[in-house]
Structures are given as C-alpha cells and as structure tokens.
C-alpha cells in the first residue's frame, strides 16, 4: 500500500517543461532589441545639441571643447605662419643705391641750383681735358649749404696755381657758380678763384671761409674754359666751385 501510494505521488508531481525552439527565439529577439536601442542612443547623442548632450553625457562638453581648442590652435598656427611668410613682402624692403661722388660733407640745406634750359650742363658731369692739382667732383658744403654738383681744387698752402680746364664747343653763352671754401677748412683760409676763356681772364673773386659768393661770366664763343685756384693765406682746404654750370 505504501509503495503504491509513493508511486502515485511521484507520478502526480509536476515536471518542468522541456526547453523548446520558441524560448530561444524570444531570448534572441530581446537581445537584438537592446542592441538596436543602444546604437540608436549613441547616434542620437552624436547629433544632439551640446546642452542636451551635456545633461545626458557629462563628458560630451569636454570632448567638444577639446575639439574646438584643437581647431582654434590649428587656425592660429596657420595664421601666424601666413603672417611671418608675408611680412617681408609687406614691408617691401628694398635696397637703396649707395651715394656716389667724393666723400665730402653732405650736411646742410640743398642749394637748389639747377641747370636751366635743354643745353645746360654741370661741369662736374664733364671730363676735364687738362688740370693741375687734385680735382674732385660731387657734393660740397659751404656755410651749411650743400651744393650737390660741385667741383673743388685742392693744392699746397703756398704752392703754384691749380686749375682744371674744359674743352667746350663754343655754343655756350653763360657760366654760373657759387664760389667759396668748404666748411672743413681753417677759418683763416683765403683764396682767389678765377675763370679764363681761351686763355683770357673773364672774372675773379676772393674766397673766404663761410662767405660763399655768386660768380658768373659771359663765355660766348669760348672753346677753352679754365677754373683756377690761387692760394693767398691760411690753412686752406678745398676751393669750391659750387654747382658750376654752363648754358
């Protein structure tokens, strides 16, 4: 009796259901749903406004800021490189031509003397055909005024007369200059400056320190034009024919 009851009780106990194909299908569908939801959430965060993204993902603002800083740094670097590259062109640095002529002082205001007429010419631009003494051309300063197209004659304190002579074509009619002594000379210097045409004295003047004076002469028909320096006294430097010109 007991054995029969035991058998009946065992047969009447409920048994767990055996797994079936439908259970595995339900589990796979749930996992796929979770995966799709996760992907959709990530995509939404990527395109979501920064304020919303920050509230959902605290690191979103930091990431965006880092990206912005990197971009700004690259832009600033590019700008600096462009500025450095273009600076030489912007400056437009160009080389200035070196001044020519003798190393005479160029301080002071310019004389303003200029050749007048199409046939005018500075004697400093011509080649002399004869000379005695040291002859130089270029700027000279007398009493603080600069004469940019001058010629000057240097000689010994008590030496013979020094001169420079030009051969011209006889068509020039006037000679003009400002005579004097350059500012580097001693204040006791006294010279006599003369102009000759075809061997004949045309004009002469006494030159003293810091006292430049105008000189002119009629040179009509002259072929040989001579400018002469004669020493009188003092420690003299250059006898200056400032901006000497013919026309």
C-alpha atoms as a PDB file:
ATOM      1  CA  UNK A   1       0.000   0.000   0.000  1.00  0.00           C
ATOM      2  CA  UNK A   2       2.722   2.397   0.844  1.00  0.00           C
ATOM      3  CA  UNK A   3       4.701   1.530  -2.223  1.00  0.00           C
ATOM      4  CA  UNK A   4       1.665   2.084  -4.441  1.00  0.00           C
ATOM      5  CA  UNK A   5       0.993   5.462  -2.880  1.00  0.00           C
ATOM      6  CA  UNK A   6       4.585   6.501  -3.365  1.00  0.00           C
ATOM      7  CA  UNK A   7       4.393   5.561  -6.973  1.00  0.00           C
ATOM      8  CA  UNK A   8       1.201   7.524  -7.476  1.00  0.00           C
ATOM      9  CA  UNK A   9       2.591  10.614  -5.687  1.00  0.00           C
ATOM     10  CA  UNK A  10       5.703  10.526  -7.841  1.00  0.00           C
ATOM     11  CA  UNK A  11       3.684  10.311 -10.966  1.00  0.00           C
ATOM     12  CA  UNK A  12       1.426  13.195  -9.873  1.00  0.00           C
ATOM     13  CA  UNK A  13       4.297  15.754  -9.155  1.00  0.00           C
ATOM     14  CA  UNK A  14       4.541  18.461 -11.888  1.00  0.00           C
ATOM     15  CA  UNK A  15       7.663  18.324 -14.096  1.00  0.00           C
ATOM     16  CA  UNK A  16       9.440  21.392 -15.535  1.00  0.00           C
ATOM     17  CA  UNK A  17       8.712  21.931 -19.170  1.00  0.00           C
ATOM     18  CA  UNK A  18      11.410  20.943 -21.589  1.00  0.00           C
ATOM     19  CA  UNK A  19      13.047  23.772 -23.468  1.00  0.00           C
ATOM     20  CA  UNK A  20      11.656  24.386 -26.857  1.00  0.00           C
ATOM     21  CA  UNK A  21      12.682  26.335 -30.006  1.00  0.00           C
ATOM     22  CA  UNK A  22      10.244  29.167 -29.203  1.00  0.00           C
ATOM     23  CA  UNK A  23      12.135  30.068 -25.967  1.00  0.00           C
ATOM     24  CA  UNK A  24      15.463  30.601 -27.743  1.00  0.00           C
ATOM     25  CA  UNK A  25      13.764  32.750 -30.347  1.00  0.00           C
ATOM     26  CA  UNK A  26      12.281  35.033 -27.660  1.00  0.00           C
ATOM     27  CA  UNK A  27      15.704  35.457 -25.989  1.00  0.00           C
ATOM     28  CA  UNK A  28      17.388  36.407 -29.307  1.00  0.00           C
ATOM     29  CA  UNK A  29      14.696  38.969 -30.113  1.00  0.00           C
ATOM     30  CA  UNK A  30      15.142  40.639 -26.715  1.00  0.00           C
ATOM     31  CA  UNK A  31      18.934  40.869 -27.133  1.00  0.00           C
ATOM     32  CA  UNK A  32      18.565  42.363 -30.623  1.00  0.00           C
ATOM     33  CA  UNK A  33      16.124  44.960 -29.275  1.00  0.00           C
ATOM     34  CA  UNK A  34      18.616  46.017 -26.583  1.00  0.00           C
ATOM     35  CA  UNK A  35      21.441  46.309 -29.162  1.00  0.00           C
ATOM     36  CA  UNK A  36      19.338  48.434 -31.532  1.00  0.00           C
ATOM     37  CA  UNK A  37      18.290  50.696 -28.647  1.00  0.00           C
ATOM     38  CA  UNK A  38      21.945  51.191 -27.636  1.00  0.00           C
ATOM     39  CA  UNK A  39      23.001  52.075 -31.185  1.00  0.00           C
ATOM     40  CA  UNK A  40      20.091  54.497 -31.574  1.00  0.00           C
ATOM     41  CA  UNK A  41      21.030  56.178 -28.287  1.00  0.00           C
ATOM     42  CA  UNK A  42      24.660  56.658 -29.390  1.00  0.00           C
ATOM     43  CA  UNK A  43      23.580  58.110 -32.736  1.00  0.00           C
ATOM     44  CA  UNK A  44      21.149  60.477 -31.030  1.00  0.00           C
ATOM     45  CA  UNK A  45      23.876  61.686 -28.658  1.00  0.00           C
ATOM     46  CA  UNK A  46      26.197  62.332 -31.612  1.00  0.00           C
ATOM     47  CA  UNK A  47      23.783  64.740 -33.332  1.00  0.00           C
ATOM     48  CA  UNK A  48      22.065  66.106 -30.225  1.00  0.00           C
ATOM     49  CA  UNK A  49      22.613  69.829 -29.242  1.00  0.00           C
ATOM     50  CA  UNK A  50      25.544  70.339 -26.889  1.00  0.00           C
ATOM     51  CA  UNK A  51      23.357  71.370 -23.931  1.00  0.00           C
ATOM     52  CA  UNK A  52      21.219  68.257 -24.092  1.00  0.00           C
ATOM     53  CA  UNK A  53      24.237  66.059 -24.736  1.00  0.00           C
ATOM     54  CA  UNK A  54      25.965  67.501 -21.679  1.00  0.00           C
ATOM     55  CA  UNK A  55      22.992  66.734 -19.423  1.00  0.00           C
ATOM     56  CA  UNK A  56      22.915  63.150 -20.638  1.00  0.00           C
ATOM     57  CA  UNK A  57      26.648  62.567 -21.005  1.00  0.00           C
ATOM     58  CA  UNK A  58      28.793  64.822 -18.786  1.00  0.00           C
ATOM     59  CA  UNK A  59      31.941  64.219 -20.854  1.00  0.00           C
ATOM     60  CA  UNK A  60      30.294  65.446 -24.068  1.00  0.00           C
ATOM     61  CA  UNK A  61      31.101  69.124 -23.361  1.00  0.00           C
ATOM     62  CA  UNK A  62      34.716  68.338 -22.537  1.00  0.00           C
ATOM     63  CA  UNK A  63      35.107  66.412 -25.772  1.00  0.00           C
ATOM     64  CA  UNK A  64      33.543  69.211 -27.815  1.00  0.00           C
ATOM     65  CA  UNK A  65      35.699  71.823 -26.080  1.00  0.00           C
ATOM     66  CA  UNK A  66      38.845  69.837 -26.732  1.00  0.00           C
ATOM     67  CA  UNK A  67      37.940  69.556 -30.407  1.00  0.00           C
ATOM     68  CA  UNK A  68      37.250  73.324 -30.572  1.00  0.00           C
ATOM     69  CA  UNK A  69      40.576  74.156 -28.884  1.00  0.00           C
ATOM     70  CA  UNK A  70      42.430  71.910 -31.293  1.00  0.00           C
ATOM     71  CA  UNK A  71      40.736  73.571 -34.262  1.00  0.00           C
ATOM     72  CA  UNK A  72      41.427  77.068 -32.900  1.00  0.00           C
ATOM     73  CA  UNK A  73      45.079  76.180 -32.291  1.00  0.00           C
ATOM     74  CA  UNK A  74      45.484  74.898 -35.831  1.00  0.00           C
ATOM     75  CA  UNK A  75      43.847  78.075 -37.190  1.00  0.00           C
ATOM     76  CA  UNK A  76      46.061  80.333 -35.079  1.00  0.00           C
ATOM     77  CA  UNK A  77      49.163  78.416 -36.155  1.00  0.00           C
ATOM     78  CA  UNK A  78      48.200  78.763 -39.803  1.00  0.00           C
ATOM     79  CA  UNK A  79      47.582  82.491 -39.330  1.00  0.00           C
ATOM     80  CA  UNK A  80      50.965  83.037 -37.668  1.00  0.00           C
ATOM     81  CA  UNK A  81      52.733  81.098 -40.410  1.00  0.00           C
ATOM     82  CA  UNK A  82      50.996  83.175 -43.099  1.00  0.00           C
ATOM     83  CA  UNK A  83      51.885  86.410 -41.267  1.00  0.00           C
ATOM     84  CA  UNK A  84      55.574  85.502 -40.946  1.00  0.00           C
ATOM     85  CA  UNK A  85      55.708  84.437 -44.577  1.00  0.00           C
ATOM     86  CA  UNK A  86      54.084  87.610 -45.877  1.00  0.00           C
ATOM     87  CA  UNK A  87      55.896  90.070 -43.579  1.00  0.00           C
ATOM     88  CA  UNK A  88      58.953  90.610 -45.857  1.00  0.00           C
ATOM     89  CA  UNK A  89      56.695  91.360 -48.833  1.00  0.00           C
ATOM     90  CA  UNK A  90      54.512  93.686 -46.716  1.00  0.00           C
ATOM     91  CA  UNK A  91      57.496  95.566 -45.540  1.00  0.00           C
ATOM     92  CA  UNK A  92      58.563  95.899 -49.117  1.00  0.00           C
ATOM     93  CA  UNK A  93      62.097  96.234 -48.120  1.00  0.00           C
ATOM     94  CA  UNK A  94      64.222  97.395 -50.954  1.00  0.00           C
ATOM     95  CA  UNK A  95      67.960  98.272 -51.171  1.00  0.00           C
ATOM     96  CA  UNK A  96      68.787 101.961 -51.526  1.00  0.00           C
ATOM     97  CA  UNK A  97      71.516 102.829 -54.039  1.00  0.00           C
ATOM     98  CA  UNK A  98      74.806 103.829 -52.453  1.00  0.00           C
ATOM     99  CA  UNK A  99      75.690 107.502 -52.866  1.00  0.00           C
ATOM    100  CA  UNK A 100      78.345 108.301 -55.423  1.00  0.00           C
ATOM    101  CA  UNK A 101      80.944 111.005 -55.638  1.00  0.00           C
ATOM    102  CA  UNK A 102      83.659 112.162 -53.285  1.00  0.00           C
ATOM    103  CA  UNK A 103      83.431 111.838 -49.524  1.00  0.00           C
ATOM    104  CA  UNK A 104      82.619 115.497 -48.918  1.00  0.00           C
ATOM    105  CA  UNK A 105      80.236 116.529 -46.122  1.00  0.00           C
ATOM    106  CA  UNK A 106      76.587 116.476 -47.244  1.00  0.00           C
ATOM    107  CA  UNK A 107      75.108 118.222 -44.202  1.00  0.00           C
ATOM    108  CA  UNK A 108      73.005 121.349 -44.594  1.00  0.00           C
ATOM    109  CA  UNK A 109      70.244 122.528 -46.888  1.00  0.00           C
ATOM    110  CA  UNK A 110      70.494 121.963 -50.623  1.00  0.00           C
ATOM    111  CA  UNK A 111      71.468 124.987 -52.702  1.00  0.00           C
ATOM    112  CA  UNK A 112      68.626 124.495 -55.173  1.00  0.00           C
ATOM    113  CA  UNK A 113      70.860 125.471 -58.106  1.00  0.00           C
ATOM    114  CA  UNK A 114      69.891 123.550 -61.225  1.00  0.00           C
ATOM    115  CA  UNK A 115      70.775 123.807 -64.921  1.00  0.00           C
ATOM    116  CA  UNK A 116      68.295 125.934 -66.853  1.00  0.00           C
ATOM    117  CA  UNK A 117      67.369 125.073 -70.449  1.00  0.00           C
ATOM    118  CA  UNK A 118      67.893 121.966 -72.580  1.00  0.00           C
ATOM    119  CA  UNK A 119      71.569 122.790 -73.269  1.00  0.00           C
ATOM    120  CA  UNK A 120      72.572 123.438 -69.648  1.00  0.00           C
ATOM    121  CA  UNK A 121      75.101 121.118 -68.056  1.00  0.00           C
ATOM    122  CA  UNK A 122      77.046 120.824 -64.795  1.00  0.00           C
ATOM    123  CA  UNK A 123      80.818 120.947 -65.253  1.00  0.00           C
ATOM    124  CA  UNK A 124      81.013 118.155 -62.649  1.00  0.00           C
ATOM    125  CA  UNK A 125      79.378 115.903 -65.263  1.00  0.00           C
ATOM    126  CA  UNK A 126      82.056 116.667 -67.885  1.00  0.00           C
ATOM    127  CA  UNK A 127      85.600 115.359 -68.213  1.00  0.00           C
ATOM    128  CA  UNK A 128      88.346 117.938 -67.930  1.00  0.00           C
ATOM    129  CA  UNK A 129      90.934 117.993 -70.715  1.00  0.00           C
ATOM    130  CA  UNK A 130      93.756 119.461 -68.589  1.00  0.00           C
ATOM    131  CA  UNK A 131      94.404 120.079 -64.891  1.00  0.00           C
ATOM    132  CA  UNK A 132      96.997 120.815 -62.200  1.00  0.00           C
ATOM    133  CA  UNK A 133      96.372 119.789 -58.582  1.00  0.00           C
ATOM    134  CA  UNK A 134      93.839 117.423 -57.031  1.00  0.00           C
ATOM    135  CA  UNK A 135      90.445 117.791 -58.684  1.00  0.00           C
ATOM    136  CA  UNK A 136      87.306 116.197 -57.248  1.00  0.00           C
ATOM    137  CA  UNK A 137      83.603 116.385 -58.019  1.00  0.00           C
ATOM    138  CA  UNK A 138      80.421 115.787 -56.047  1.00  0.00           C
ATOM    139  CA  UNK A 139      78.606 117.429 -53.116  1.00  0.00           C
ATOM    140  CA  UNK A 140      80.323 120.183 -51.121  1.00  0.00           C
ATOM    141  CA  UNK A 141      79.116 122.238 -48.153  1.00  0.00           C
ATOM    142  CA  UNK A 142      79.786 125.950 -47.665  1.00  0.00           C
ATOM    143  CA  UNK A 143      78.340 127.798 -44.674  1.00  0.00           C
ATOM    144  CA  UNK A 144      75.966 124.902 -44.027  1.00  0.00           C
ATOM    145  CA  UNK A 145      74.524 124.832 -47.552  1.00  0.00           C
ATOM    146  CA  UNK A 146      75.024 121.747 -49.677  1.00  0.00           C
ATOM    147  CA  UNK A 147      75.990 122.127 -53.341  1.00  0.00           C
ATOM    148  CA  UNK A 148      75.394 118.702 -54.849  1.00  0.00           C
ATOM    149  CA  UNK A 149      77.099 119.161 -58.255  1.00  0.00           C
ATOM    150  CA  UNK A 150      80.302 120.883 -57.259  1.00  0.00           C
ATOM    151  CA  UNK A 151      83.934 120.625 -58.248  1.00  0.00           C
ATOM    152  CA  UNK A 152      86.779 121.607 -55.986  1.00  0.00           C
ATOM    153  CA  UNK A 153      90.503 122.087 -56.340  1.00  0.00           C
ATOM    154  CA  UNK A 154      92.997 121.189 -53.626  1.00  0.00           C
ATOM    155  CA  UNK A 155      96.603 122.449 -53.570  1.00  0.00           C
ATOM    156  CA  UNK A 156      99.543 123.133 -51.285  1.00  0.00           C
ATOM    157  CA  UNK A 157      99.339 126.065 -48.878  1.00  0.00           C
ATOM    158  CA  UNK A 158     101.963 128.100 -50.730  1.00  0.00           C
ATOM    159  CA  UNK A 159     102.076 126.186 -53.996  1.00  0.00           C
ATOM    160  CA  UNK A 160     101.542 127.281 -57.562  1.00  0.00           C
ATOM    161  CA  UNK A 161      98.151 127.920 -59.060  1.00  0.00           C
ATOM    162  CA  UNK A 162      95.968 124.842 -59.508  1.00  0.00           C
ATOM    163  CA  UNK A 163      93.312 124.591 -62.191  1.00  0.00           C
ATOM    164  CA  UNK A 164      91.018 122.423 -64.283  1.00  0.00           C
ATOM    165  CA  UNK A 165      90.289 123.159 -67.948  1.00  0.00           C
ATOM    166  CA  UNK A 166      87.372 122.018 -70.122  1.00  0.00           C
ATOM    167  CA  UNK A 167      87.033 121.980 -73.889  1.00  0.00           C
ATOM    168  CA  UNK A 168      83.527 123.094 -74.890  1.00  0.00           C
ATOM    169  CA  UNK A 169      82.001 123.583 -78.348  1.00  0.00           C
ATOM    170  CA  UNK A 170      81.647 127.381 -78.311  1.00  0.00           C
ATOM    171  CA  UNK A 171      77.836 127.357 -78.296  1.00  0.00           C
ATOM    172  CA  UNK A 172      77.507 128.023 -74.551  1.00  0.00           C
ATOM    173  CA  UNK A 173      76.974 131.617 -73.516  1.00  0.00           C
ATOM    174  CA  UNK A 174      76.880 131.780 -69.707  1.00  0.00           C
ATOM    175  CA  UNK A 175      78.845 130.369 -66.784  1.00  0.00           C
ATOM    176  CA  UNK A 176      77.370 130.416 -63.255  1.00  0.00           C
ATOM    177  CA  UNK A 177      78.584 129.102 -59.905  1.00  0.00           C
ATOM    178  CA  UNK A 178      78.823 129.842 -56.173  1.00  0.00           C
ATOM    179  CA  UNK A 179      82.461 130.080 -55.138  1.00  0.00           C
ATOM    180  CA  UNK A 180      83.896 129.646 -51.659  1.00  0.00           C
ATOM    181  CA  UNK A 181      85.831 127.424 -49.263  1.00  0.00           C
ATOM    182  CA  UNK A 182      84.470 124.169 -47.875  1.00  0.00           C
ATOM    183  CA  UNK A 183      83.384 124.074 -44.226  1.00  0.00           C
ATOM    184  CA  UNK A 184      86.164 121.621 -43.308  1.00  0.00           C
ATOM    185  CA  UNK A 185      88.848 124.251 -43.978  1.00  0.00           C
ATOM    186  CA  UNK A 186      90.504 126.507 -41.413  1.00  0.00           C
ATOM    187  CA  UNK A 187      88.772 129.809 -40.691  1.00  0.00           C
ATOM    188  CA  UNK A 188      91.899 131.787 -41.697  1.00  0.00           C
ATOM    189  CA  UNK A 189      91.894 130.421 -45.264  1.00  0.00           C
ATOM    190  CA  UNK A 190      91.846 132.969 -48.097  1.00  0.00           C
ATOM    191  CA  UNK A 191      91.934 132.027 -51.803  1.00  0.00           C
ATOM    192  CA  UNK A 192      91.434 133.720 -55.147  1.00  0.00           C
ATOM    193  CA  UNK A 193      89.217 131.919 -57.691  1.00  0.00           C
ATOM    194  CA  UNK A 194      89.356 132.845 -61.380  1.00  0.00           C
ATOM    195  CA  UNK A 195      87.682 131.896 -64.677  1.00  0.00           C
ATOM    196  CA  UNK A 196      89.526 132.030 -68.016  1.00  0.00           C
ATOM    197  CA  UNK A 197      88.172 131.671 -71.538  1.00  0.00           C
ATOM    198  CA  UNK A 198      90.610 130.800 -74.350  1.00  0.00           C
ATOM    199  CA  UNK A 199      93.448 131.918 -72.039  1.00  0.00           C
ATOM    200  CA  UNK A 200      91.877 135.270 -71.176  1.00  0.00           C
ATOM    201  CA  UNK A 201      90.730 136.229 -67.676  1.00  0.00           C
ATOM    202  CA  UNK A 202      86.947 136.545 -67.642  1.00  0.00           C
ATOM    203  CA  UNK A 203      86.297 137.063 -63.908  1.00  0.00           C
ATOM    204  CA  UNK A 204      87.836 136.515 -60.470  1.00  0.00           C
ATOM    205  CA  UNK A 205      86.840 136.807 -56.793  1.00  0.00           C
ATOM    206  CA  UNK A 206      88.426 136.423 -53.367  1.00  0.00           C
ATOM    207  CA  UNK A 207      87.063 133.441 -51.415  1.00  0.00           C
ATOM    208  CA  UNK A 208      86.954 133.436 -47.614  1.00  0.00           C
ATOM    209  CA  UNK A 209      85.777 130.889 -45.049  1.00  0.00           C
ATOM    210  CA  UNK A 210      81.980 130.804 -44.520  1.00  0.00           C
ATOM    211  CA  UNK A 211      81.451 133.546 -47.128  1.00  0.00           C
ATOM    212  CA  UNK A 212      80.230 131.855 -50.324  1.00  0.00           C
ATOM    213  CA  UNK A 213      79.570 134.271 -53.181  1.00  0.00           C
ATOM    214  CA  UNK A 214      77.936 134.042 -56.626  1.00  0.00           C
ATOM    215  CA  UNK A 215      80.113 134.208 -59.737  1.00  0.00           C
ATOM    216  CA  UNK A 216      79.114 134.447 -63.397  1.00  0.00           C
ATOM    217  CA  UNK A 217      80.792 135.115 -66.742  1.00  0.00           C
ATOM    218  CA  UNK A 218      79.934 135.529 -70.403  1.00  0.00           C
ATOM    219  CA  UNK A 219      81.540 132.598 -72.233  1.00  0.00           C
ATOM    220  CA  UNK A 220      80.102 133.178 -75.717  1.00  0.00           C
ATOM    221  CA  UNK A 221      82.415 131.713 -78.355  1.00  0.00           C
ATOM    222  CA  UNK A 222      84.828 130.211 -75.799  1.00  0.00           C
ATOM    223  CA  UNK A 223      86.366 126.820 -76.537  1.00  0.00           C
ATOM    224  CA  UNK A 224      88.720 126.508 -73.568  1.00  0.00           C
ATOM    225  CA  UNK A 225      87.187 127.181 -70.153  1.00  0.00           C
ATOM    226  CA  UNK A 226      89.601 127.161 -67.192  1.00  0.00           C
ATOM    227  CA  UNK A 227      88.769 127.408 -63.473  1.00  0.00           C
ATOM    228  CA  UNK A 228      91.755 128.389 -61.288  1.00  0.00           C
ATOM    229  CA  UNK A 229      92.594 128.412 -57.574  1.00  0.00           C
ATOM    230  CA  UNK A 230      95.290 130.759 -56.233  1.00  0.00           C
ATOM    231  CA  UNK A 231      96.479 130.458 -52.637  1.00  0.00           C
ATOM    232  CA  UNK A 232      96.676 133.677 -50.585  1.00  0.00           C
ATOM    233  CA  UNK A 233      96.978 132.680 -46.908  1.00  0.00           C
ATOM    234  CA  UNK A 234      95.865 130.365 -44.108  1.00  0.00           C
ATOM    235  CA  UNK A 235      95.472 126.614 -43.776  1.00  0.00           C
ATOM    236  CA  UNK A 236      93.222 126.095 -46.728  1.00  0.00           C
ATOM    237  CA  UNK A 237      91.314 123.051 -47.835  1.00  0.00           C
ATOM    238  CA  UNK A 238      89.230 122.897 -50.972  1.00  0.00           C
ATOM    239  CA  UNK A 239      88.449 125.782 -53.278  1.00  0.00           C
ATOM    240  CA  UNK A 240      84.840 125.095 -54.215  1.00  0.00           C
ATOM    241  CA  UNK A 241      83.017 125.982 -57.425  1.00  0.00           C
ATOM    242  CA  UNK A 242      79.551 125.107 -56.132  1.00  0.00           C
ATOM    243  CA  UNK A 243      77.111 123.753 -58.742  1.00  0.00           C
ATOM    244  CA  UNK A 244      79.273 125.209 -61.556  1.00  0.00           C
ATOM    245  CA  UNK A 245      77.260 125.061 -64.792  1.00  0.00           C
ATOM    246  CA  UNK A 246      77.259 126.369 -68.355  1.00  0.00           C
ATOM    247  CA  UNK A 247      74.310 127.137 -70.616  1.00  0.00           C
END
